[in-house]
PDB file of N, CA and C in Angstrom:
ATOM      1  N   MET A   1      -6.193   1.189   9.891  1.00  0.00           N
ATOM      2  CA  MET A   1      -5.213   0.136   9.673  1.00  0.00           C
ATOM      3  C   MET A   1      -5.781  -1.166  10.198  1.00  0.00           C
ATOM      4  N   THR A   2      -5.367  -2.217   9.613  1.00  0.00           N
ATOM      5  CA  THR A   2      -5.836  -3.546   9.978  1.00  0.00           C
ATOM      6  C   THR A   2      -5.110  -4.044  11.226  1.00  0.00           C
ATOM      7  N   ASN A   3      -5.718  -4.969  11.934  1.00  0.00           N
ATOM      8  CA  ASN A   3      -5.146  -5.550  13.139  1.00  0.00           C
ATOM      9  C   ASN A   3      -3.719  -6.041  12.862  1.00  0.00           C
ATOM     10  N   PRO A   4      -2.723  -5.579  13.634  1.00  0.00           N
ATOM     11  CA  PRO A   4      -1.338  -5.984  13.380  1.00  0.00           C
ATOM     12  C   PRO A   4      -1.073  -7.463  13.623  1.00  0.00           C
ATOM     13  N   ASN A   5      -1.978  -8.168  14.290  1.00  0.00           N
ATOM     14  CA  ASN A   5      -1.800  -9.598  14.541  1.00  0.00           C
ATOM     15  C   ASN A   5      -2.325 -10.453  13.390  1.00  0.00           C
ATOM     16  N   THR A   6      -2.947  -9.816  12.402  1.00  0.00           N
ATOM     17  CA  THR A   6      -3.453 -10.537  11.249  1.00  0.00           C
ATOM     18  C   THR A   6      -2.298 -10.902  10.331  1.00  0.00           C
ATOM     19  N   THR A   7      -2.352 -12.097   9.763  1.00  0.00           N
ATOM     20  CA  THR A   7      -1.320 -12.560   8.847  1.00  0.00           C
ATOM     21  C   THR A   7      -1.808 -12.422   7.419  1.00  0.00           C
ATOM     22  N   TYR A   8      -0.941 -11.913   6.552  1.00  0.00           N
ATOM     23  CA  TYR A   8      -1.247 -11.803   5.130  1.00  0.00           C
ATOM     24  C   TYR A   8      -0.291 -12.699   4.354  1.00  0.00           C
ATOM     25  N   ILE A   9      -0.854 -13.564   3.529  1.00  0.00           N
ATOM     26  CA  ILE A   9      -0.087 -14.532   2.749  1.00  0.00           C
ATOM     27  C   ILE A   9      -0.689 -14.586   1.352  1.00  0.00           C
ATOM     28  N   CYS A  10       0.164 -14.670   0.345  1.00  0.00           N
ATOM     29  CA  CYS A  10      -0.319 -14.784  -1.026  1.00  0.00           C
ATOM     30  C   CYS A  10      -1.074 -16.102  -1.176  1.00  0.00           C
ATOM     31  N   PRO A  11      -2.325 -16.053  -1.634  1.00  0.00           N
ATOM     32  CA  PRO A  11      -3.094 -17.288  -1.795  1.00  0.00           C
ATOM     33  C   PRO A  11      -2.597 -18.176  -2.941  1.00  0.00           C
ATOM     34  N   ASP A  12      -1.771 -17.613  -3.836  1.00  0.00           N
ATOM     35  CA  ASP A  12      -1.268 -18.411  -4.959  1.00  0.00           C
ATOM     36  C   ASP A  12       0.068 -19.081  -4.659  1.00  0.00           C
ATOM     37  N   CYS A  13       1.053 -18.291  -4.161  1.00  0.00           N
ATOM     38  CA  CYS A  13       2.397 -18.860  -3.978  1.00  0.00           C
ATOM     39  C   CYS A  13       2.789 -19.067  -2.513  1.00  0.00           C
ATOM     40  N   GLY A  14       2.002 -18.521  -1.565  1.00  0.00           N
ATOM     41  CA  GLY A  14       2.284 -18.703  -0.145  1.00  0.00           C
ATOM     42  C   GLY A  14       3.275 -17.723   0.445  1.00  0.00           C
ATOM     43  N   SER A  15       3.756 -16.743  -0.335  1.00  0.00           N
ATOM     44  CA  SER A  15       4.722 -15.768   0.165  1.00  0.00           C
ATOM     45  C   SER A  15       4.060 -14.768   1.111  1.00  0.00           C
ATOM     46  N   SER A  16       4.776 -14.412   2.158  1.00  0.00           N
ATOM     47  CA  SER A  16       4.328 -13.339   3.045  1.00  0.00           C
ATOM     48  C   SER A  16       5.348 -12.203   3.071  1.00  0.00           C
ATOM     49  N   GLU A  17       6.440 -12.362   2.334  1.00  0.00           N
ATOM     50  CA  GLU A  17       7.532 -11.390   2.369  1.00  0.00           C
ATOM     51  C   GLU A  17       7.567 -10.457   1.165  1.00  0.00           C
ATOM     52  N   HIS A  18       6.734 -10.682   0.165  1.00  0.00           N
ATOM     53  CA  HIS A  18       6.804  -9.883  -1.062  1.00  0.00           C
ATOM     54  C   HIS A  18       5.482  -9.195  -1.370  1.00  0.00           C
ATOM     55  N   LEU A  19       4.704  -8.870  -0.354  1.00  0.00           N
ATOM     56  CA  LEU A  19       3.398  -8.261  -0.553  1.00  0.00           C
ATOM     57  C   LEU A  19       3.495  -6.742  -0.509  1.00  0.00           C
ATOM     58  N   GLU A  20       2.731  -6.083  -1.384  1.00  0.00           N
ATOM     59  CA  GLU A  20       2.620  -4.626  -1.397  1.00  0.00           C
ATOM     60  C   GLU A  20       1.139  -4.278  -1.373  1.00  0.00           C
ATOM     61  N   VAL A  21       0.805  -3.134  -0.755  1.00  0.00           N
ATOM     62  CA  VAL A  21      -0.591  -2.716  -0.636  1.00  0.00           C
ATOM     63  C   VAL A  21      -0.698  -1.230  -0.995  1.00  0.00           C
ATOM     64  N   VAL A  22      -1.812  -0.864  -1.609  1.00  0.00           N
ATOM     65  CA  VAL A  22      -2.086   0.538  -1.920  1.00  0.00           C
ATOM     66  C   VAL A  22      -2.550   1.213  -0.635  1.00  0.00           C
ATOM     67  N   VAL A  23      -1.912   2.341  -0.295  1.00  0.00           N
ATOM     68  CA  VAL A  23      -2.264   3.075   0.921  1.00  0.00           C
ATOM     69  C   VAL A  23      -2.712   4.495   0.576  1.00  0.00           C
ATOM     70  N   HIS A  24      -3.485   5.070   1.477  1.00  0.00           N
ATOM     71  CA  HIS A  24      -3.829   6.493   1.403  1.00  0.00           C
ATOM     72  C   HIS A  24      -2.880   7.196   2.355  1.00  0.00           C
ATOM     73  N   LYS A  25      -2.203   8.230   1.868  1.00  0.00           N
ATOM     74  CA  LYS A  25      -1.182   8.910   2.663  1.00  0.00           C
ATOM     75  C   LYS A  25      -1.281  10.412   2.439  1.00  0.00           C
ATOM     76  N   TRP A  26      -1.056  11.179   3.491  1.00  0.00           N
ATOM     77  CA  TRP A  26      -1.030  12.633   3.385  1.00  0.00           C
ATOM     78  C   TRP A  26       0.280  13.090   2.765  1.00  0.00           C
ATOM     79  N   ALA A  27       0.218  14.152   1.966  1.00  0.00           N
ATOM     80  CA  ALA A  27       1.417  14.728   1.348  1.00  0.00           C
ATOM     81  C   ALA A  27       1.251  16.235   1.245  1.00  0.00           C
ATOM     82  N   ARG A  28       2.346  16.968   1.391  1.00  0.00           N
ATOM     83  CA  ARG A  28       2.345  18.416   1.168  1.00  0.00           C
ATOM     84  C   ARG A  28       2.368  18.648  -0.333  1.00  0.00           C
ATOM     85  N   VAL A  29       1.558  19.595  -0.819  1.00  0.00           N
ATOM     86  CA  VAL A  29       1.472  19.901  -2.235  1.00  0.00           C
ATOM     87  C   VAL A  29       2.234  21.191  -2.515  1.00  0.00           C
ATOM     88  N   TYR A  30       3.091  21.151  -3.531  1.00  0.00           N
ATOM     89  CA  TYR A  30       3.870  22.310  -3.962  1.00  0.00           C
ATOM     90  C   TYR A  30       3.575  22.572  -5.438  1.00  0.00           C
ATOM     91  N   GLN A  31       3.347  23.842  -5.767  1.00  0.00           N
ATOM     92  CA  GLN A  31       3.157  24.220  -7.162  1.00  0.00           C
ATOM     93  C   GLN A  31       4.220  25.246  -7.524  1.00  0.00           C
ATOM     94  N   ASN A  32       4.994  24.962  -8.588  1.00  0.00           N
ATOM     95  CA  ASN A  32       6.058  25.888  -8.984  1.00  0.00           C
ATOM     96  C   ASN A  32       5.523  26.941  -9.955  1.00  0.00           C
ATOM     97  N   GLU A  33       6.405  27.855 -10.381  1.00  0.00           N
ATOM     98  CA  GLU A  33       5.991  28.959 -11.247  1.00  0.00           C
ATOM     99  C   GLU A  33       5.425  28.482 -12.580  1.00  0.00           C
ATOM    100  N   ASP A  34       5.859  27.326 -13.063  1.00  0.00           N
ATOM    101  CA  ASP A  34       5.373  26.790 -14.334  1.00  0.00           C
ATOM    102  C   ASP A  34       4.007  26.109 -14.195  1.00  0.00           C
ATOM    103  N   GLY A  35       3.507  26.002 -12.977  1.00  0.00           N
ATOM    104  CA  GLY A  35       2.225  25.353 -12.745  1.00  0.00           C
ATOM    105  C   GLY A  35       2.333  23.873 -12.451  1.00  0.00           C
ATOM    106  N   ASP A  36       3.557  23.334 -12.502  1.00  0.00           N
ATOM    107  CA  ASP A  36       3.744  21.918 -12.184  1.00  0.00           C
ATOM    108  C   ASP A  36       3.485  21.692 -10.700  1.00  0.00           C
ATOM    109  N   ILE A  37       2.834  20.600 -10.401  1.00  0.00           N
ATOM    110  CA  ILE A  37       2.511  20.276  -9.010  1.00  0.00           C
ATOM    111  C   ILE A  37       3.328  19.073  -8.576  1.00  0.00           C
ATOM    112  N   GLU A  38       3.939  19.187  -7.400  1.00  0.00           N
ATOM    113  CA  GLU A  38       4.708  18.099  -6.815  1.00  0.00           C
ATOM    114  C   GLU A  38       4.183  17.837  -5.417  1.00  0.00           C
ATOM    115  N   THR A  39       4.434  16.647  -4.910  1.00  0.00           N
ATOM    116  CA  THR A  39       4.054  16.301  -3.545  1.00  0.00           C
ATOM    117  C   THR A  39       5.273  15.812  -2.783  1.00  0.00           C
ATOM    118  N   ASP A  40       5.214  15.974  -1.467  1.00  0.00           N
ATOM    119  CA  ASP A  40       6.295  15.518  -0.598  1.00  0.00           C
ATOM    120  C   ASP A  40       5.679  14.961   0.676  1.00  0.00           C
ATOM    121  N   THR A  41       5.809  13.657   0.875  1.00  0.00           N
ATOM    122  CA  THR A  41       5.227  13.036   2.069  1.00  0.00           C
ATOM    123  C   THR A  41       6.037  13.327   3.324  1.00  0.00           C
ATOM    124  N   ASP A  42       7.318  13.686   3.172  1.00  0.00           N
ATOM    125  CA  ASP A  42       8.148  13.988   4.338  1.00  0.00           C
ATOM    126  C   ASP A  42       7.741  15.302   5.001  1.00  0.00           C
ATOM    127  N   ASP A  43       7.169  16.241   4.232  1.00  0.00           N
ATOM    128  CA  ASP A  43       6.786  17.542   4.773  1.00  0.00           C
ATOM    129  C   ASP A  43       5.378  17.579   5.354  1.00  0.00           C
ATOM    130  N   ALA A  44       4.604  16.535   5.169  1.00  0.00           N
ATOM    131  CA  ALA A  44       3.230  16.502   5.682  1.00  0.00           C
ATOM    132  C   ALA A  44       3.240  16.406   7.203  1.00  0.00           C
ATOM    133  N   GLN A  45       2.280  17.070   7.840  1.00  0.00           N
ATOM    134  CA  GLN A  45       2.183  17.007   9.308  1.00  0.00           C
ATOM    135  C   GLN A  45       1.711  15.639   9.778  1.00  0.00           C
ATOM    136  N   ASP A  46       0.847  15.015   9.009  1.00  0.00           N
ATOM    137  CA  ASP A  46       0.311  13.702   9.364  1.00  0.00           C
ATOM    138  C   ASP A  46       1.049  12.659   8.531  1.00  0.00           C
ATOM    139  N   HIS A  47       1.869  11.856   9.166  1.00  0.00           N
ATOM    140  CA  HIS A  47       2.671  10.855   8.453  1.00  0.00           C
ATOM    141  C   HIS A  47       2.013   9.476   8.424  1.00  0.00           C
ATOM    142  N   SER A  48       0.745   9.417   8.779  1.00  0.00           N
ATOM    143  CA  SER A  48       0.075   8.121   8.799  1.00  0.00           C
ATOM    144  C   SER A  48      -0.246   7.660   7.385  1.00  0.00           C
ATOM    145  N   ASP A  49      -0.389   6.366   7.240  1.00  0.00           N
ATOM    146  CA  ASP A  49      -0.896   5.806   5.998  1.00  0.00           C
ATOM    147  C   ASP A  49      -1.973   4.797   6.365  1.00  0.00           C
ATOM    148  N   ASP A  50      -3.043   4.810   5.594  1.00  0.00           N
ATOM    149  CA  ASP A  50      -4.203   3.993   5.922  1.00  0.00           C
ATOM    150  C   ASP A  50      -4.516   3.018   4.805  1.00  0.00           C
ATOM    151  N   TRP A  51      -4.930   1.824   5.205  1.00  0.00           N
ATOM    152  CA  TRP A  51      -5.417   0.825   4.267  1.00  0.00           C
ATOM    153  C   TRP A  51      -6.319  -0.126   5.029  1.00  0.00           C
ATOM    154  N   ASP A  52      -7.133  -0.862   4.292  1.00  0.00           N
ATOM    155  CA  ASP A  52      -8.055  -1.798   4.920  1.00  0.00           C
ATOM    156  C   ASP A  52      -8.252  -3.014   4.015  1.00  0.00           C
ATOM    157  N   ASP A  53      -9.214  -3.860   4.338  1.00  0.00           N
ATOM    158  CA  ASP A  53      -9.426  -5.089   3.574  1.00  0.00           C
ATOM    159  C   ASP A  53      -9.820  -4.835   2.117  1.00  0.00           C
ATOM    160  N   GLY A  54     -10.317  -3.631   1.811  1.00  0.00           N
ATOM    161  CA  GLY A  54     -10.692  -3.304   0.442  1.00  0.00           C
ATOM    162  C   GLY A  54      -9.550  -2.773  -0.398  1.00  0.00           C
ATOM    163  N   SER A  55      -8.406  -2.486   0.242  1.00  0.00           N
ATOM    164  CA  SER A  55      -7.251  -1.955  -0.481  1.00  0.00           C
ATOM    165  C   SER A  55      -6.669  -3.027  -1.405  1.00  0.00           C
ATOM    166  N   GLN A  56      -6.150  -2.603  -2.537  1.00  0.00           N
ATOM    167  CA  GLN A  56      -5.550  -3.538  -3.483  1.00  0.00           C
ATOM    168  C   GLN A  56      -4.184  -4.002  -2.999  1.00  0.00           C
ATOM    169  N   MET A  57      -3.908  -5.282  -3.173  1.00  0.00           N
ATOM    170  CA  MET A  57      -2.646  -5.876  -2.758  1.00  0.00           C
ATOM    171  C   MET A  57      -2.078  -6.654  -3.933  1.00  0.00           C
ATOM    172  N   VAL A  58      -0.750  -6.757  -3.989  1.00  0.00           N
ATOM    173  CA  VAL A  58      -0.083  -7.526  -5.037  1.00  0.00           C
ATOM    174  C   VAL A  58       1.070  -8.303  -4.416  1.00  0.00           C
ATOM    175  N   CYS A  59       1.320  -9.480  -4.938  1.00  0.00           N
ATOM    176  CA  CYS A  59       2.469 -10.269  -4.514  1.00  0.00           C
ATOM    177  C   CYS A  59       3.569 -10.081  -5.549  1.00  0.00           C
ATOM    178  N   ARG A  60       4.736  -9.607  -5.115  1.00  0.00           N
ATOM    179  CA  ARG A  60       5.871  -9.351  -6.011  1.00  0.00           C
ATOM    180  C   ARG A  60       6.894 -10.486  -5.992  1.00  0.00           C
ATOM    181  N   ALA A  61       6.541 -11.645  -5.440  1.00  0.00           N
ATOM    182  CA  ALA A  61       7.456 -12.790  -5.460  1.00  0.00           C
ATOM    183  C   ALA A  61       7.710 -13.190  -6.905  1.00  0.00           C
ATOM    184  N   ASP A  62       8.921 -13.661  -7.183  1.00  0.00           N
ATOM    185  CA  ASP A  62       9.292 -14.074  -8.542  1.00  0.00           C
ATOM    186  C   ASP A  62       8.278 -15.055  -9.115  1.00  0.00           C
ATOM    187  N   GLY A  63       7.766 -14.728 -10.300  1.00  0.00           N
ATOM    188  CA  GLY A  63       6.857 -15.614 -10.992  1.00  0.00           C
ATOM    189  C   GLY A  63       5.422 -15.597 -10.506  1.00  0.00           C
ATOM    190  N   CYS A  64       5.086 -14.734  -9.536  1.00  0.00           N
ATOM    191  CA  CYS A  64       3.729 -14.744  -9.002  1.00  0.00           C
ATOM    192  C   CYS A  64       2.893 -13.626  -9.635  1.00  0.00           C
ATOM    193  N   GLY A  65       2.823 -12.471  -8.990  1.00  0.00           N
ATOM    194  CA  GLY A  65       2.049 -11.358  -9.517  1.00  0.00           C
ATOM    195  C   GLY A  65       0.577 -11.379  -9.164  1.00  0.00           C
ATOM    196  N   LYS A  66       0.168 -12.216  -8.218  1.00  0.00           N
ATOM    197  CA  LYS A  66      -1.229 -12.284  -7.787  1.00  0.00           C
ATOM    198  C   LYS A  66      -1.684 -10.916  -7.296  1.00  0.00           C
ATOM    199  N   THR A  67      -2.868 -10.479  -7.736  1.00  0.00           N
ATOM    200  CA  THR A  67      -3.456  -9.224  -7.267  1.00  0.00           C
ATOM    201  C   THR A  67      -4.839  -9.502  -6.721  1.00  0.00           C
ATOM    202  N   GLY A  68      -5.303  -8.610  -5.877  1.00  0.00           N
ATOM    203  CA  GLY A  68      -6.646  -8.716  -5.324  1.00  0.00           C
ATOM    204  C   GLY A  68      -6.774  -7.804  -4.130  1.00  0.00           C
ATOM    205  N   SER A  69      -7.912  -7.868  -3.482  1.00  0.00           N
ATOM    206  CA  SER A  69      -8.118  -7.068  -2.279  1.00  0.00           C
ATOM    207  C   SER A  69      -7.284  -7.653  -1.137  1.00  0.00           C
ATOM    208  N   ALA A  70      -6.954  -6.814  -0.165  1.00  0.00           N
ATOM    209  CA  ALA A  70      -6.186  -7.282   0.990  1.00  0.00           C
ATOM    210  C   ALA A  70      -6.912  -8.428   1.694  1.00  0.00           C
ATOM    211  N   ALA A  71      -8.233  -8.377   1.661  1.00  0.00           N
ATOM    212  CA  ALA A  71      -9.021  -9.449   2.298  1.00  0.00           C
ATOM    213  C   ALA A  71      -8.715 -10.806   1.674  1.00  0.00           C
ATOM    214  N   ALA A  72      -8.418 -10.835   0.386  1.00  0.00           N
ATOM    215  CA  ALA A  72      -8.115 -12.097  -0.297  1.00  0.00           C
ATOM    216  C   ALA A  72      -6.782 -12.686   0.150  1.00  0.00           C
ATOM    217  N   PHE A  73      -5.903 -11.845   0.724  1.00  0.00           N
ATOM    218  CA  PHE A  73      -4.594 -12.291   1.192  1.00  0.00           C
ATOM    219  C   PHE A  73      -4.577 -12.568   2.697  1.00  0.00           C
ATOM    220  N   ARG A  74      -5.652 -12.184   3.384  1.00  0.00           N
ATOM    221  CA  ARG A  74      -5.698 -12.345   4.849  1.00  0.00           C
ATOM    222  C   ARG A  74      -5.919 -13.789   5.214  1.00  0.00           C
ATOM    223  N   GLN A  75      -5.152 -14.285   6.177  1.00  0.00           N
ATOM    224  CA  GLN A  75      -5.272 -15.658   6.650  1.00  0.00           C
ATOM    225  C   GLN A  75      -5.877 -15.694   8.026  1.00  0.00           C
TER     226      GLN A  75
END
């Protein structure tokens, strides 16, 4: 995980409240009789989620939609 004191701001619109990032997260895998596979993050023993400067980030502020690496949003 990145330093919690780091600020992330959209370089296009300046929003810091509408950012989303792709994370890696552990999940329990379940396979039913039909072969369908489902996941459940609540049942996983490790509830951590990891991301870094290379993770993809998007700004969901109205009219924005800027995408890029987390590093591009770091101030």
